[in-house]
Amino acid sequence: MPKIVAIDNENPDWPDADRQQADETWRALLDGFDQQGYTYRAFKFFDDLSFLDEFDPREWIVWNWGEELAGKPWSDAEVADELERRGFAYTGSPPDAMRLAQDRMRLKRRLQAEGLPTPAASVLRDPEAASQWTTFPAIVKGANQHASVGIDGDSVVHTTEQLARRVIHLRQTYKDDALVEQFLDTREFHVAVLGNDPPEALPPTELVYSMFSDMRDRLYTYQWKTDDASHGYQRITMPCPAPLDRSDWRVRLEQLAVRAYRAVGLRDYGRFDFRMLGDEPQILDVNCNPELWTDGHSVFVAAANVRGLSYPQVVSRIVDCAAARMPRTVFSGNRGR
């Protein structure tokens, strides 16, 4: 049984609600280690990973929940770079996959090159370019943001003028270009994938927005994921397995998720977000190292439970994936001493 160094980043500037959610998830992870009988050490960090100096990569793996380094947004790949430089096997995807998943246009090109369905899109760098886009309604995302950051009801636009305003908003707020694609006001499914040899799609989860009459509310925004007082957090339902009425869709969703997992280079665990275009699922987002929350809002945890896996068992499966990559030797200079 491998020994584990568990790492999680912590930013002193986080709001109390974000810190509380992170702490609850962290405690659940460590409880999972205890229940499975692992030997482990646990560290939270901000800008320094030197505590890893005392651990031998031939004896320890790293459970990697490092999503940023020194408070820099979307620097999870830099954390993984450092773990690789030190010679550790670690849980989750490698740096190249993380960087690809964050660059939304490059990600789309990779999916398209592999014959995987994803909505056509354009990247707009200034509001004057908004006139080049003619398909409405559209959704506007940060071209180099991730997950639902920067997405809210105003991200759904119906006119060139609204699109131009959103381009300005993303530039001013995130210093980022805008990626625009057709907004599919259709059924949404998330599919978790676990393992490597071979990867296994877990049962799809549907996000049900039928209680909302305004299409701008039919989005799984960051607030609605994390704020338990928000309208969406309280009202969006997430049945799993889904869809019960279209077994053909379920099979197709699972097939596409596994294909995309391999195409993007994800490892150990991941999640894919889809909406339907007719009978064909469209890949909207790719999530390396998806959240393993225990508040009932983690698609990954819910789908694993449906498959018969408890939270500690999910943790153990992911640990086993990383342990298979443990080095037998460590080359001089790899450990940062």
Protein backbone atom coordinates (compact mmCIF):
# COMPACT_ATOMS: atom_id res chain seq x y z
CA MET A 1 0.00 0.00 0.00
CA PRO A 2 1.57 3.34 -0.99
CA LYS A 3 2.20 6.11 1.47
CA ILE A 4 0.59 9.43 0.59
CA VAL A 5 1.59 13.07 0.81
CA ALA A 6 -1.68 14.97 0.40
CA ILE A 7 -1.32 18.57 -0.77
CA ASP A 8 -3.94 21.28 -1.15
CA ASN A 9 -3.44 24.96 -1.92
CA GLU A 10 -4.83 27.64 0.38
CA ASN A 11 -4.97 31.34 -0.46
CA PRO A 12 -5.18 33.87 2.40
CA ASP A 13 -7.36 36.07 0.18
CA TRP A 14 -10.13 33.49 -0.24
CA PRO A 15 -13.58 34.44 1.06
CA ASP A 16 -14.67 32.59 4.18
CA ALA A 17 -17.28 30.56 2.24
CA ASP A 18 -14.66 29.27 -0.21
CA ARG A 19 -12.29 28.43 2.63
CA GLN A 20 -15.03 26.57 4.50
CA GLN A 21 -15.97 24.47 1.48
CA ALA A 22 -12.30 23.65 0.82
CA ASP A 23 -11.80 22.63 4.45
CA GLU A 24 -14.86 20.36 4.42
CA THR A 25 -13.66 18.61 1.27
CA TRP A 26 -10.15 18.30 2.69
CA ARG A 27 -11.46 16.68 5.87
CA ALA A 28 -13.54 14.23 3.82
CA LEU A 29 -10.43 13.24 1.85
CA LEU A 30 -8.38 12.64 4.97
CA ASP A 31 -11.25 10.66 6.50
CA GLY A 32 -11.20 8.55 3.34
CA PHE A 33 -7.49 7.87 3.82
CA ASP A 34 -8.16 6.85 7.43
CA GLN A 35 -10.98 4.50 6.48
CA GLN A 36 -8.81 2.81 3.84
CA GLY A 37 -5.88 2.44 6.23
CA TYR A 38 -3.35 4.61 4.39
CA THR A 39 -0.25 6.11 5.96
CA TYR A 40 -0.29 9.77 4.98
CA ARG A 41 0.93 13.28 5.70
CA ALA A 42 -1.19 16.30 4.84
CA PHE A 43 -0.05 19.80 3.88
CA LYS A 44 -1.69 22.99 2.73
CA PHE A 45 0.49 25.43 0.80
CA PHE A 46 0.43 28.84 -0.81
CA ASP A 47 3.67 29.40 -2.72
CA ASP A 48 6.16 26.86 -1.40
CA LEU A 49 6.41 23.10 -1.91
CA SER A 50 9.72 22.67 -0.09
CA PHE A 51 8.02 20.46 2.52
CA LEU A 52 8.26 17.72 -0.12
CA ASP A 53 12.04 17.63 0.35
CA GLU A 54 11.72 15.10 3.18
CA PHE A 55 9.80 12.53 1.14
CA ASP A 56 11.26 9.89 -1.17
CA PRO A 57 9.26 9.49 -4.42
CA ARG A 58 10.07 5.78 -4.37
CA GLU A 59 8.05 5.46 -1.16
CA TRP A 60 5.44 8.22 -1.33
CA ILE A 61 2.92 9.36 -3.90
CA VAL A 62 1.34 12.82 -3.89
CA TRP A 63 -2.39 13.34 -3.75
CA ASN A 64 -2.45 16.51 -5.81
CA TRP A 65 -5.15 19.07 -5.10
CA GLY A 66 -2.87 21.97 -5.94
CA GLU A 67 -4.98 24.21 -8.16
CA GLU A 68 -2.84 27.35 -7.94
CA LEU A 69 0.61 28.47 -6.92
CA ALA A 70 1.19 31.77 -5.11
CA GLY A 71 -2.39 32.83 -5.83
CA LYS A 72 -1.91 32.81 -9.60
CA PRO A 73 -5.17 31.79 -11.29
CA TRP A 74 -5.11 28.56 -13.30
CA SER A 75 -1.57 27.65 -12.29
CA ASP A 76 -2.40 24.02 -11.51
CA ALA A 77 -0.09 22.91 -14.31
CA GLU A 78 2.79 24.67 -12.56
CA VAL A 79 2.14 22.64 -9.42
CA ALA A 80 2.17 19.45 -11.48
CA ASP A 81 5.37 20.61 -13.22
CA GLU A 82 7.04 20.90 -9.82
CA LEU A 83 5.87 17.46 -8.74
CA GLU A 84 7.29 15.96 -11.92
CA ARG A 85 10.57 17.83 -11.48
CA ARG A 86 10.83 16.26 -8.03
CA GLY A 87 10.16 12.79 -9.45
CA PHE A 88 6.84 12.09 -7.74
CA ALA A 89 3.95 10.04 -9.02
CA TYR A 90 0.84 12.07 -8.25
CA THR A 91 -2.89 11.79 -8.66
CA GLY A 92 -4.66 13.38 -11.59
CA SER A 93 -3.80 14.72 -15.00
CA PRO A 94 -0.36 15.78 -16.23
CA PRO A 95 0.57 19.42 -16.97
CA ASP A 96 -0.01 19.22 -20.73
CA ALA A 97 -3.60 18.08 -20.25
CA MET A 98 -4.24 20.84 -17.71
CA ARG A 99 -2.93 23.52 -20.07
CA LEU A 100 -4.93 22.13 -22.97
CA ALA A 101 -8.18 22.05 -20.96
CA GLN A 102 -7.75 25.71 -19.99
CA ASP A 103 -7.19 26.95 -23.55
CA ARG A 104 -10.74 26.56 -24.78
CA MET A 105 -10.10 27.11 -28.48
CA ARG A 106 -7.08 24.81 -28.61
CA LEU A 107 -9.12 22.23 -26.73
CA LYS A 108 -11.90 22.46 -29.32
CA ARG A 109 -9.42 21.96 -32.12
CA ARG A 110 -8.06 18.85 -30.41
CA LEU A 111 -11.56 17.42 -29.97
CA GLN A 112 -12.49 18.21 -33.57
CA ALA A 113 -9.27 16.63 -34.85
CA GLU A 114 -10.28 13.43 -33.05
CA GLY A 115 -13.75 13.50 -34.61
CA LEU A 116 -15.44 14.46 -31.34
CA PRO A 117 -18.51 16.75 -31.38
CA THR A 118 -18.22 20.23 -29.91
CA PRO A 119 -19.98 23.46 -30.91
CA ALA A 120 -18.21 25.70 -33.42
CA ALA A 121 -16.68 28.77 -31.81
CA SER A 122 -14.68 31.93 -32.41
CA VAL A 123 -12.29 33.89 -30.23
CA LEU A 124 -12.90 37.65 -30.13
CA ARG A 125 -10.21 39.97 -28.87
CA ASP A 126 -12.03 43.30 -29.14
CA PRO A 127 -15.70 44.38 -29.21
CA GLU A 128 -15.53 45.54 -32.85
CA ALA A 129 -15.11 41.91 -33.86
CA ALA A 130 -18.56 41.05 -32.47
CA SER A 131 -20.15 41.73 -35.86
CA GLN A 132 -18.31 38.67 -37.24
CA TRP A 133 -20.55 36.36 -35.18
CA THR A 134 -24.05 35.77 -36.52
CA THR A 135 -25.47 32.76 -34.65
CA PHE A 136 -27.75 33.67 -31.74
CA PRO A 137 -28.47 32.99 -28.96
CA ALA A 138 -24.79 32.58 -28.12
CA ILE A 139 -22.80 32.05 -24.96
CA VAL A 140 -19.63 34.01 -24.21
CA LYS A 141 -16.89 32.50 -22.05
CA GLY A 142 -13.39 33.53 -21.09
CA ALA A 143 -11.14 31.96 -23.72
CA ASN A 144 -8.58 31.03 -21.07
CA GLN A 145 -10.74 30.61 -18.00
CA HIS A 146 -11.93 27.28 -16.74
CA ALA A 147 -15.07 25.62 -15.49
CA SER A 148 -17.80 28.21 -14.83
CA VAL A 149 -15.59 31.11 -13.79
CA GLY A 150 -16.78 34.28 -15.55
CA ILE A 151 -20.08 32.72 -16.63
CA ASP A 152 -23.42 34.10 -15.44
CA GLY A 153 -26.81 34.92 -16.92
CA ASP A 154 -25.38 37.82 -18.93
CA SER A 155 -23.06 35.36 -20.70
CA VAL A 156 -26.04 34.36 -22.86
CA VAL A 157 -26.40 37.02 -25.57
CA HIS A 158 -28.97 37.59 -28.32
CA THR A 159 -27.54 40.51 -30.28
CA THR A 160 -24.25 41.84 -31.60
CA GLU A 161 -24.44 44.70 -29.09
CA GLN A 162 -24.82 42.32 -26.13
CA LEU A 163 -21.93 40.25 -27.44
CA ALA A 164 -19.70 43.31 -27.72
CA ARG A 165 -20.51 44.32 -24.14
CA ARG A 166 -19.59 40.86 -22.92
CA VAL A 167 -16.27 40.98 -24.78
CA ILE A 168 -15.53 44.25 -22.96
CA HIS A 169 -16.57 42.70 -19.62
CA LEU A 170 -14.19 39.76 -20.00
CA ARG A 171 -11.35 42.04 -21.00
CA GLN A 172 -11.90 44.39 -18.06
CA THR A 173 -12.64 41.73 -15.43
CA TYR A 174 -10.35 38.87 -16.43
CA LYS A 175 -7.94 40.45 -18.94
CA ASP A 176 -8.99 37.68 -21.28
CA ASP A 177 -10.24 37.17 -24.81
CA ALA A 178 -13.82 35.99 -25.35
CA LEU A 179 -14.78 32.63 -26.77
CA VAL A 180 -18.25 32.70 -28.33
CA GLU A 181 -20.26 29.65 -29.38
CA GLN A 182 -23.88 28.79 -30.05
CA PHE A 183 -25.90 28.52 -26.85
CA LEU A 184 -27.65 25.17 -26.77
CA ASP A 185 -30.78 25.64 -24.68
CA THR A 186 -31.15 21.88 -24.41
CA ARG A 187 -30.68 19.08 -21.89
CA GLU A 188 -27.33 19.05 -20.08
CA PHE A 189 -25.40 16.00 -18.90
CA HIS A 190 -22.14 15.57 -17.02
CA VAL A 191 -20.16 12.35 -17.31
CA ALA A 192 -17.39 11.31 -14.90
CA VAL A 193 -14.59 9.00 -16.01
CA LEU A 194 -12.46 6.94 -13.62
CA GLY A 195 -9.21 5.04 -14.15
CA ASN A 196 -6.74 4.46 -16.95
CA ASP A 197 -6.40 0.83 -18.07
CA PRO A 198 -9.02 1.13 -19.39
CA PRO A 199 -10.85 4.31 -18.31
CA GLU A 200 -14.45 3.72 -17.21
CA ALA A 201 -17.34 6.11 -17.75
CA LEU A 202 -19.55 6.39 -14.68
CA PRO A 203 -23.32 6.83 -15.09
CA PRO A 204 -24.22 10.25 -16.57
CA THR A 205 -25.86 12.90 -14.41
CA GLU A 206 -28.45 15.32 -15.81
CA LEU A 207 -28.68 18.93 -14.66
CA VAL A 208 -32.38 19.77 -14.72
CA TYR A 209 -33.29 23.42 -15.33
CA SER A 210 -36.98 22.93 -16.12
CA MET A 211 -38.05 25.13 -13.21
CA PHE A 212 -36.50 28.21 -14.89
CA SER A 213 -38.44 30.04 -17.61
CA ASP A 214 -35.55 32.34 -18.63
CA MET A 215 -32.83 30.61 -20.65
CA ARG A 216 -30.25 32.84 -18.96
CA ASP A 217 -30.99 30.95 -15.74
CA ARG A 218 -30.44 27.59 -17.37
CA LEU A 219 -26.70 27.66 -16.66
CA TYR A 220 -24.65 25.98 -13.96
CA THR A 221 -22.79 29.08 -12.83
CA TYR A 222 -20.02 29.22 -10.23
CA GLN A 223 -22.39 30.85 -7.75
CA TRP A 224 -25.00 28.15 -8.24
CA LYS A 225 -22.37 25.46 -7.73
CA THR A 226 -20.98 26.86 -4.50
CA ASP A 227 -23.44 29.27 -2.81
CA ASP A 228 -25.96 27.22 -0.85
CA ALA A 229 -28.17 30.29 -0.45
CA SER A 230 -28.44 30.85 -4.20
CA HIS A 231 -31.55 30.12 -6.23
CA GLY A 232 -29.80 27.65 -8.48
CA TYR A 233 -28.03 25.71 -5.73
CA GLN A 234 -31.36 25.08 -4.06
CA ARG A 235 -33.50 24.35 -7.12
CA ILE A 236 -31.38 22.62 -9.76
CA THR A 237 -31.79 18.86 -9.50
CA MET A 238 -29.17 16.34 -10.63
CA PRO A 239 -30.64 12.88 -11.19
CA CYS A 240 -28.20 10.03 -11.78
CA PRO A 241 -28.17 7.77 -13.72
CA ALA A 242 -29.58 9.74 -16.63
CA PRO A 243 -31.31 9.97 -18.95
CA LEU A 244 -33.82 7.33 -18.00
CA ASP A 245 -35.95 8.07 -21.08
CA ARG A 246 -33.17 7.74 -23.69
CA SER A 247 -30.88 4.77 -23.19
CA ASP A 248 -29.28 5.49 -26.57
CA TRP A 249 -28.21 8.92 -25.36
CA ARG A 250 -26.69 7.41 -22.23
CA VAL A 251 -24.61 4.95 -24.23
CA ARG A 252 -23.44 7.71 -26.55
CA LEU A 253 -22.54 10.05 -23.67
CA GLU A 254 -20.43 7.39 -22.01
CA GLN A 255 -18.66 6.49 -25.26
CA LEU A 256 -17.83 10.11 -26.06
CA ALA A 257 -16.58 10.80 -22.53
CA VAL A 258 -14.08 7.93 -22.69
CA ARG A 259 -12.92 8.96 -26.17
CA ALA A 260 -12.45 12.57 -25.07
CA TYR A 261 -10.63 11.48 -21.90
CA ARG A 262 -8.06 9.72 -24.04
CA ALA A 263 -7.90 12.45 -26.70
CA VAL A 264 -7.16 15.22 -24.20
CA GLY A 265 -4.75 13.10 -22.16
CA LEU A 266 -6.61 13.06 -18.85
CA ARG A 267 -5.47 10.63 -16.22
CA ASP A 268 -6.95 8.88 -13.15
CA TYR A 269 -10.23 10.82 -13.09
CA GLY A 270 -12.03 13.51 -15.05
CA ARG A 271 -15.43 14.92 -16.00
CA PHE A 272 -17.04 16.04 -19.25
CA ASP A 273 -19.96 18.44 -19.69
CA PHE A 274 -22.38 17.97 -22.58
CA ARG A 275 -25.50 19.49 -24.06
CA MET A 276 -27.60 17.89 -26.75
CA LEU A 277 -27.80 19.03 -30.37
CA GLY A 278 -30.62 16.88 -31.66
CA ASP A 279 -29.60 13.34 -30.74
CA GLU A 280 -25.87 14.08 -30.67
CA PRO A 281 -24.16 15.17 -27.43
CA GLN A 282 -21.83 18.16 -27.77
CA ILE A 283 -18.78 18.50 -25.53
CA LEU A 284 -18.89 21.87 -23.77
CA ASP A 285 -16.14 21.53 -21.18
CA VAL A 286 -13.39 19.20 -20.01
CA ASN A 287 -12.51 19.02 -16.32
CA CYS A 288 -9.18 17.66 -15.15
CA ASN A 289 -9.17 16.58 -11.48
CA PRO A 290 -12.87 17.48 -10.94
CA GLU A 291 -14.22 18.43 -7.53
CA LEU A 292 -14.91 15.66 -5.03
CA TRP A 293 -17.26 17.63 -2.81
CA THR A 294 -19.36 15.84 -0.22
CA ASP A 295 -22.30 18.26 -0.15
CA GLY A 296 -24.32 16.37 -2.74
CA HIS A 297 -23.21 18.64 -5.61
CA SER A 298 -20.26 16.62 -6.91
CA VAL A 299 -21.25 14.83 -10.10
CA PHE A 300 -18.22 12.58 -9.73
CA VAL A 301 -19.07 11.45 -6.21
CA ALA A 302 -22.76 10.97 -7.02
CA ALA A 303 -22.02 8.89 -10.12
CA ALA A 304 -19.50 6.77 -8.24
CA ASN A 305 -22.06 6.11 -5.52
CA VAL A 306 -24.56 4.93 -8.15
CA ARG A 307 -21.88 2.55 -9.42
CA GLY A 308 -21.55 1.21 -5.86
CA LEU A 309 -18.37 3.03 -4.84
CA SER A 310 -18.22 4.86 -1.52
CA TYR A 311 -16.18 8.03 -1.13
CA PRO A 312 -13.23 6.16 0.47
CA GLN A 313 -13.36 3.61 -2.33
CA VAL A 314 -13.22 6.37 -4.96
CA VAL A 315 -10.18 7.81 -3.19
CA SER A 316 -8.54 4.38 -3.12
CA ARG A 317 -9.15 3.80 -6.83
CA ILE A 318 -7.50 7.12 -7.67
CA VAL A 319 -4.57 6.38 -5.36
CA ASP A 320 -4.06 3.02 -7.06
CA CYS A 321 -3.91 4.75 -10.46
CA ALA A 322 -1.14 7.06 -9.28
CA ALA A 323 0.74 4.32 -7.44
CA ALA A 324 1.11 2.42 -10.71
CA ARG A 325 3.40 5.25 -11.88
CA MET A 326 5.74 5.27 -8.85
CA PRO A 327 9.40 5.42 -9.91
CA ARG A 328 11.86 2.70 -9.00
CA THR A 329 14.76 5.12 -9.10
CA VAL A 330 15.05 8.87 -8.69
CA PHE A 331 17.60 10.69 -10.77
CA SER A 332 19.92 13.17 -9.12
CA GLY A 333 18.53 16.69 -9.01
CA ASN A 334 14.88 15.71 -9.31
CA ARG A 335 13.92 16.28 -5.71
CA GLY A 336 14.61 19.99 -5.37
CA ARG A 337 17.24 19.62 -2.66
